[in-house]
Amino acid sequence: MGSRYRRAQFLCSAPDLAHAPPDRGGEVAFAGRSNAGKSSALNALTDQQTLARTSKTPGRTQLLNFFQVTPDLRLVDLPGYGYAKVPVAVKTRWELGLAEYLEHRESLRGLILVMDIRHPLTNLDTTMLDWCHRAGLPVHVLLTKADKLKRGPGIAALLALQRTVEERYARVSAQLFSVPRRLGIDEASAVLDGWFGDHGPQA
């Protein structure tokens, strides 16, 4: 099934919120630890191989990258976080920028939080969930690289994460996701549709 979001195209990059596109319409942002597969997930959901730049070097994405789906709807690739080789000052700037975006962007409808299924809920993932909880922002977790585990352990990892987040947070959901297997793309697209509401792109 073709992605409803395949019409997405690069709009602009911004070093901070002050340089972002006008704060109107609707946005869904993608966040996650460096090398968790965030850009690959965004590419899969838009059915484009090179929309979001992927790199074998974690921490490469340092800007807020905006992609326009319709004149009023955008997807946003946020800077990856938590890569040890990035200088501390740079990491601090990224994290402050992420907090500012999550707490003050009026057009933000929800956050797709990407986690490697083998290493879910790192300290920084929890920080992201805390920020979103305070902002009243819904979060949908993609447990990426699900193809790295057999079906049983994969489902067990999903259930364990769901139990943990349900105890601490409201408005958090989760699913398995695998780019090579094309697993979970329709499910994640449906979440985007729900957040964008009646203004979502048509198939």
C-alpha atoms as a PDB file:
ATOM      1  CA  MET A   1       0.000   0.000   0.000  1.00  0.00           C
ATOM      2  CA  GLY A   2       1.429   3.372  -1.008  1.00  0.00           C
ATOM      3  CA  SER A   3       2.228   5.881   1.694  1.00  0.00           C
ATOM      4  CA  ARG A   4      -0.139   8.830   2.072  1.00  0.00           C
ATOM      5  CA  TYR A   5       2.926  10.897   2.846  1.00  0.00           C
ATOM      6  CA  ARG A   6       4.913  10.204  -0.305  1.00  0.00           C
ATOM      7  CA  ARG A   7       4.246  13.769  -1.508  1.00  0.00           C
ATOM      8  CA  ALA A   8       6.478  15.108   1.286  1.00  0.00           C
ATOM      9  CA  GLN A   9       9.339  17.272   0.099  1.00  0.00           C
ATOM     10  CA  PHE A  10      12.171  19.103   1.817  1.00  0.00           C
ATOM     11  CA  LEU A  11      11.145  22.568   2.960  1.00  0.00           C
ATOM     12  CA  CYS A  12      14.039  23.976   5.014  1.00  0.00           C
ATOM     13  CA  SER A  13      16.540  23.391   7.817  1.00  0.00           C
ATOM     14  CA  ALA A  14      16.624  25.550  10.932  1.00  0.00           C
ATOM     15  CA  PRO A  15      19.287  25.772  13.659  1.00  0.00           C
ATOM     16  CA  ASP A  16      16.638  26.789  16.201  1.00  0.00           C
ATOM     17  CA  LEU A  17      12.986  27.656  16.612  1.00  0.00           C
ATOM     18  CA  ALA A  18      13.547  31.286  15.635  1.00  0.00           C
ATOM     19  CA  HIS A  19      14.508  30.173  12.112  1.00  0.00           C
ATOM     20  CA  ALA A  20      11.690  27.625  11.713  1.00  0.00           C
ATOM     21  CA  PRO A  21       8.799  28.037   9.250  1.00  0.00           C
ATOM     22  CA  PRO A  22       5.766  30.040  10.445  1.00  0.00           C
ATOM     23  CA  ASP A  23       4.085  28.347  13.403  1.00  0.00           C
ATOM     24  CA  ARG A  24       0.758  27.521  11.768  1.00  0.00           C
ATOM     25  CA  GLY A  25      -0.960  24.450  10.368  1.00  0.00           C
ATOM     26  CA  GLY A  26       0.157  21.119  11.789  1.00  0.00           C
ATOM     27  CA  GLU A  27       3.454  19.337  12.400  1.00  0.00           C
ATOM     28  CA  VAL A  28       4.502  15.895  13.557  1.00  0.00           C
ATOM     29  CA  ALA A  29       8.098  15.591  14.727  1.00  0.00           C
ATOM     30  CA  PHE A  30      10.435  12.590  14.709  1.00  0.00           C
ATOM     31  CA  ALA A  31      12.948  12.243  17.535  1.00  0.00           C
ATOM     32  CA  GLY A  32      15.265   9.547  18.802  1.00  0.00           C
ATOM     33  CA  ARG A  33      18.690   8.528  19.923  1.00  0.00           C
ATOM     34  CA  SER A  34      21.379   8.781  17.274  1.00  0.00           C
ATOM     35  CA  ASN A  35      21.540   5.640  15.138  1.00  0.00           C
ATOM     36  CA  ALA A  36      18.120   4.351  16.288  1.00  0.00           C
ATOM     37  CA  GLY A  37      16.859   4.526  12.705  1.00  0.00           C
ATOM     38  CA  LYS A  38      14.942   7.807  12.855  1.00  0.00           C
ATOM     39  CA  SER A  39      15.745   9.053   9.351  1.00  0.00           C
ATOM     40  CA  SER A  40      15.188   5.586   7.876  1.00  0.00           C
ATOM     41  CA  ALA A  41      11.756   5.438   9.531  1.00  0.00           C
ATOM     42  CA  LEU A  42      10.842   8.842   8.122  1.00  0.00           C
ATOM     43  CA  ASN A  43      11.954   7.738   4.659  1.00  0.00           C
ATOM     44  CA  ALA A  44       9.887   4.549   4.926  1.00  0.00           C
ATOM     45  CA  LEU A  45       6.752   6.426   6.009  1.00  0.00           C
ATOM     46  CA  THR A  46       7.063   8.789   3.044  1.00  0.00           C
ATOM     47  CA  ASP A  47       7.995   5.971   0.640  1.00  0.00           C
ATOM     48  CA  GLN A  48      11.144   7.875  -0.310  1.00  0.00           C
ATOM     49  CA  GLN A  49      14.662   6.533   0.053  1.00  0.00           C
ATOM     50  CA  THR A  50      16.464   9.842   0.428  1.00  0.00           C
ATOM     51  CA  LEU A  51      13.990  12.363   1.853  1.00  0.00           C
ATOM     52  CA  ALA A  52      15.635  12.406   5.277  1.00  0.00           C
ATOM     53  CA  ARG A  53      19.377  12.100   5.117  1.00  0.00           C
ATOM     54  CA  THR A  54      20.691   8.908   6.667  1.00  0.00           C
ATOM     55  CA  SER A  55      24.278   8.490   7.780  1.00  0.00           C
ATOM     56  CA  LYS A  56      26.464   5.785   9.210  1.00  0.00           C
ATOM     57  CA  THR A  57      27.890   8.486  11.487  1.00  0.00           C
ATOM     58  CA  PRO A  58      25.573   8.919  14.501  1.00  0.00           C
ATOM     59  CA  GLY A  59      24.826  12.503  15.472  1.00  0.00           C
ATOM     60  CA  ARG A  60      25.025  13.791  11.900  1.00  0.00           C
ATOM     61  CA  THR A  61      21.615  15.502  12.023  1.00  0.00           C
ATOM     62  CA  GLN A  62      22.211  18.781  13.871  1.00  0.00           C
ATOM     63  CA  LEU A  63      19.349  20.902  12.535  1.00  0.00           C
ATOM     64  CA  LEU A  64      15.568  20.902  12.623  1.00  0.00           C
ATOM     65  CA  ASN A  65      14.710  19.597   9.153  1.00  0.00           C
ATOM     66  CA  PHE A  66      11.208  20.448   7.905  1.00  0.00           C
ATOM     67  CA  PHE A  67       9.395  18.513   5.168  1.00  0.00           C
ATOM     68  CA  GLN A  68       6.181  19.814   3.646  1.00  0.00           C
ATOM     69  CA  VAL A  69       3.373  17.317   3.036  1.00  0.00           C
ATOM     70  CA  THR A  70       0.715  19.877   2.112  1.00  0.00           C
ATOM     71  CA  PRO A  71       0.825  23.687   2.383  1.00  0.00           C
ATOM     72  CA  ASP A  72      -0.447  23.360   5.970  1.00  0.00           C
ATOM     73  CA  LEU A  73       1.173  20.096   7.139  1.00  0.00           C
ATOM     74  CA  ARG A  74       4.805  19.284   7.875  1.00  0.00           C
ATOM     75  CA  LEU A  75       6.970  16.442   9.147  1.00  0.00           C
ATOM     76  CA  VAL A  76      10.027  17.436  11.172  1.00  0.00           C
ATOM     77  CA  ASP A  77      13.260  15.468  11.589  1.00  0.00           C
ATOM     78  CA  LEU A  78      14.724  16.576  14.933  1.00  0.00           C
ATOM     79  CA  PRO A  79      18.421  16.314  15.841  1.00  0.00           C
ATOM     80  CA  GLY A  80      19.457  12.880  17.074  1.00  0.00           C
ATOM     81  CA  TYR A  81      20.588  12.842  20.679  1.00  0.00           C
ATOM     82  CA  GLY A  82      22.907  10.941  22.963  1.00  0.00           C
ATOM     83  CA  TYR A  83      25.916  10.229  20.749  1.00  0.00           C
ATOM     84  CA  ALA A  84      29.010  10.136  22.956  1.00  0.00           C
ATOM     85  CA  LYS A  85      31.508  11.519  20.407  1.00  0.00           C
ATOM     86  CA  VAL A  86      29.597  14.770  19.944  1.00  0.00           C
ATOM     87  CA  PRO A  87      31.166  17.598  22.011  1.00  0.00           C
ATOM     88  CA  VAL A  88      29.358  18.330  25.269  1.00  0.00           C
ATOM     89  CA  ALA A  89      28.631  21.943  24.292  1.00  0.00           C
ATOM     90  CA  VAL A  90      27.017  20.785  21.051  1.00  0.00           C
ATOM     91  CA  LYS A  91      24.936  18.133  22.833  1.00  0.00           C
ATOM     92  CA  THR A  92      23.761  20.697  25.371  1.00  0.00           C
ATOM     93  CA  ARG A  93      22.728  23.100  22.609  1.00  0.00           C
ATOM     94  CA  TRP A  94      20.813  20.333  20.798  1.00  0.00           C
ATOM     95  CA  GLU A  95      18.979  19.284  23.940  1.00  0.00           C
ATOM     96  CA  LEU A  96      18.009  22.853  24.848  1.00  0.00           C
ATOM     97  CA  GLY A  97      16.765  23.355  21.291  1.00  0.00           C
ATOM     98  CA  LEU A  98      14.696  20.173  21.453  1.00  0.00           C
ATOM     99  CA  ALA A  99      13.104  21.236  24.737  1.00  0.00           C
ATOM    100  CA  GLU A 100      12.278  24.674  23.321  1.00  0.00           C
ATOM    101  CA  TYR A 101      10.686  23.131  20.239  1.00  0.00           C
ATOM    102  CA  LEU A 102       8.599  20.586  22.146  1.00  0.00           C
ATOM    103  CA  GLU A 103       7.348  23.075  24.722  1.00  0.00           C
ATOM    104  CA  HIS A 104       6.655  26.118  22.538  1.00  0.00           C
ATOM    105  CA  ARG A 105       5.765  24.979  19.005  1.00  0.00           C
ATOM    106  CA  GLU A 106       2.022  25.615  18.759  1.00  0.00           C
ATOM    107  CA  SER A 107       1.553  23.676  15.502  1.00  0.00           C
ATOM    108  CA  LEU A 108       3.106  20.486  16.916  1.00  0.00           C
ATOM    109  CA  ARG A 109       0.431  17.754  17.011  1.00  0.00           C
ATOM    110  CA  GLY A 110       2.503  14.811  18.238  1.00  0.00           C
ATOM    111  CA  LEU A 111       5.933  13.211  18.480  1.00  0.00           C
ATOM    112  CA  ILE A 112       7.120   9.983  16.888  1.00  0.00           C
ATOM    113  CA  LEU A 113       9.819   8.703  19.245  1.00  0.00           C
ATOM    114  CA  VAL A 114      12.138   6.195  17.599  1.00  0.00           C
ATOM    115  CA  MET A 115      13.896   3.603  19.772  1.00  0.00           C
ATOM    116  CA  ASP A 116      16.100   0.678  18.786  1.00  0.00           C
ATOM    117  CA  ILE A 117      14.142  -2.346  20.021  1.00  0.00           C
ATOM    118  CA  ARG A 118      17.377  -3.802  21.438  1.00  0.00           C
ATOM    119  CA  HIS A 119      18.076  -0.673  23.533  1.00  0.00           C
ATOM    120  CA  PRO A 120      14.732   0.978  24.413  1.00  0.00           C
ATOM    121  CA  LEU A 121      14.037   3.638  27.024  1.00  0.00           C
ATOM    122  CA  THR A 122      17.485   5.107  27.484  1.00  0.00           C
ATOM    123  CA  ASN A 123      17.800   7.971  29.958  1.00  0.00           C
ATOM    124  CA  LEU A 124      17.442  10.484  27.134  1.00  0.00           C
ATOM    125  CA  ASP A 125      14.380   8.684  25.763  1.00  0.00           C
ATOM    126  CA  THR A 126      12.830   9.063  29.207  1.00  0.00           C
ATOM    127  CA  THR A 127      13.764  12.745  29.215  1.00  0.00           C
ATOM    128  CA  MET A 128      11.942  13.166  25.899  1.00  0.00           C
ATOM    129  CA  LEU A 129       8.870  11.438  27.315  1.00  0.00           C
ATOM    130  CA  ASP A 130       9.013  13.697  30.387  1.00  0.00           C
ATOM    131  CA  TRP A 131       9.148  16.833  28.208  1.00  0.00           C
ATOM    132  CA  CYS A 132       6.208  15.664  26.116  1.00  0.00           C
ATOM    133  CA  HIS A 133       4.215  14.692  29.209  1.00  0.00           C
ATOM    134  CA  ARG A 134       4.669  18.175  30.685  1.00  0.00           C
ATOM    135  CA  ALA A 135       3.673  19.739  27.360  1.00  0.00           C
ATOM    136  CA  GLY A 136       0.577  17.518  27.064  1.00  0.00           C
ATOM    137  CA  LEU A 137       1.895  16.185  23.756  1.00  0.00           C
ATOM    138  CA  PRO A 138       0.959  12.700  22.498  1.00  0.00           C
ATOM    139  CA  VAL A 139       3.844  10.341  21.735  1.00  0.00           C
ATOM    140  CA  HIS A 140       3.933   7.251  19.539  1.00  0.00           C
ATOM    141  CA  VAL A 141       6.986   5.019  19.967  1.00  0.00           C
ATOM    142  CA  LEU A 142       8.422   3.116  17.016  1.00  0.00           C
ATOM    143  CA  LEU A 143      10.498   0.166  18.211  1.00  0.00           C
ATOM    144  CA  THR A 144      12.727   0.066  15.166  1.00  0.00           C
ATOM    145  CA  LYS A 145      14.955  -2.713  13.881  1.00  0.00           C
ATOM    146  CA  ALA A 146      12.338  -5.273  14.944  1.00  0.00           C
ATOM    147  CA  ASP A 147      13.820  -7.579  12.299  1.00  0.00           C
ATOM    148  CA  LYS A 148      16.862  -7.968  14.568  1.00  0.00           C
ATOM    149  CA  LEU A 149      14.759 -10.025  17.011  1.00  0.00           C
ATOM    150  CA  LYS A 150      12.610 -13.090  16.496  1.00  0.00           C
ATOM    151  CA  ARG A 151       8.854 -12.577  16.741  1.00  0.00           C
ATOM    152  CA  GLY A 152       8.501 -13.791  20.351  1.00  0.00           C
ATOM    153  CA  PRO A 153      11.240 -11.608  21.853  1.00  0.00           C
ATOM    154  CA  GLY A 154      10.047  -8.684  19.728  1.00  0.00           C
ATOM    155  CA  ILE A 155       6.503  -8.878  21.082  1.00  0.00           C
ATOM    156  CA  ALA A 156       7.864  -9.309  24.613  1.00  0.00           C
ATOM    157  CA  ALA A 157       9.945  -6.139  24.204  1.00  0.00           C
ATOM    158  CA  LEU A 158       6.887  -4.234  22.982  1.00  0.00           C
ATOM    159  CA  LEU A 159       4.723  -5.420  25.887  1.00  0.00           C
ATOM    160  CA  ALA A 160       7.433  -4.565  28.416  1.00  0.00           C
ATOM    161  CA  LEU A 161       7.766  -1.043  27.032  1.00  0.00           C
ATOM    162  CA  GLN A 162       3.988  -0.568  26.992  1.00  0.00           C
ATOM    163  CA  ARG A 163       3.725  -1.604  30.641  1.00  0.00           C
ATOM    164  CA  THR A 164       6.495   0.793  31.643  1.00  0.00           C
ATOM    165  CA  VAL A 165       5.154   3.857  29.840  1.00  0.00           C
ATOM    166  CA  GLU A 166       1.544   3.226  30.891  1.00  0.00           C
ATOM    167  CA  GLU A 167       2.626   3.397  34.531  1.00  0.00           C
ATOM    168  CA  ARG A 168       4.260   6.804  34.103  1.00  0.00           C
ATOM    169  CA  TYR A 169       2.742   8.643  31.169  1.00  0.00           C
ATOM    170  CA  ALA A 170      -0.560   9.472  29.541  1.00  0.00           C
ATOM    171  CA  ARG A 171      -0.966   9.657  25.763  1.00  0.00           C
ATOM    172  CA  VAL A 172       1.882   7.296  24.854  1.00  0.00           C
ATOM    173  CA  SER A 173       1.418   4.389  22.433  1.00  0.00           C
ATOM    174  CA  ALA A 174       3.938   2.027  20.839  1.00  0.00           C
ATOM    175  CA  GLN A 175       4.407  -0.463  18.022  1.00  0.00           C
ATOM    176  CA  LEU A 176       6.979  -2.664  16.311  1.00  0.00           C
ATOM    177  CA  PHE A 177       8.652  -1.226  13.212  1.00  0.00           C
ATOM    178  CA  SER A 178      11.078  -2.614  10.640  1.00  0.00           C
ATOM    179  CA  VAL A 179      12.168  -0.863   7.457  1.00  0.00           C
ATOM    180  CA  PRO A 180      13.595  -3.989   5.720  1.00  0.00           C
ATOM    181  CA  ARG A 181      10.404  -5.957   6.436  1.00  0.00           C
ATOM    182  CA  ARG A 182       8.096  -2.980   5.774  1.00  0.00           C
ATOM    183  CA  LEU A 183       6.600  -3.791   9.170  1.00  0.00           C
ATOM    184  CA  GLY A 184       4.391  -1.232  10.887  1.00  0.00           C
ATOM    185  CA  ILE A 185       4.327   1.407   8.147  1.00  0.00           C
ATOM    186  CA  ASP A 186       0.540   1.422   7.723  1.00  0.00           C
ATOM    187  CA  GLU A 187       0.030   1.431  11.496  1.00  0.00           C
ATOM    188  CA  ALA A 188       2.353   4.407  11.969  1.00  0.00           C
ATOM    189  CA  SER A 189       0.760   6.242   9.029  1.00  0.00           C
ATOM    190  CA  ALA A 190      -2.627   5.824  10.702  1.00  0.00           C
ATOM    191  CA  VAL A 191      -1.248   7.496  13.833  1.00  0.00           C
ATOM    192  CA  LEU A 192      -0.097  10.462  11.735  1.00  0.00           C
ATOM    193  CA  ASP A 193      -3.529  10.630  10.107  1.00  0.00           C
ATOM    194  CA  GLY A 194      -5.167  10.724  13.528  1.00  0.00           C
ATOM    195  CA  TRP A 195      -2.953  13.554  14.743  1.00  0.00           C
ATOM    196  CA  PHE A 196      -3.442  15.591  11.590  1.00  0.00           C
ATOM    197  CA  GLY A 197      -7.192  14.984  11.783  1.00  0.00           C
ATOM    198  CA  ASP A 198      -9.431  16.146   8.971  1.00  0.00           C
ATOM    199  CA  HIS A 199      -6.528  18.039   7.430  1.00  0.00           C
ATOM    200  CA  GLY A 200      -4.452  14.891   6.846  1.00  0.00           C
ATOM    201  CA  PRO A 201      -3.293  14.081   3.313  1.00  0.00           C
ATOM    202  CA  GLN A 202      -5.538  11.821   1.290  1.00  0.00           C
ATOM    203  CA  ALA A 203      -4.314   8.475  -0.065  1.00  0.00           C
END
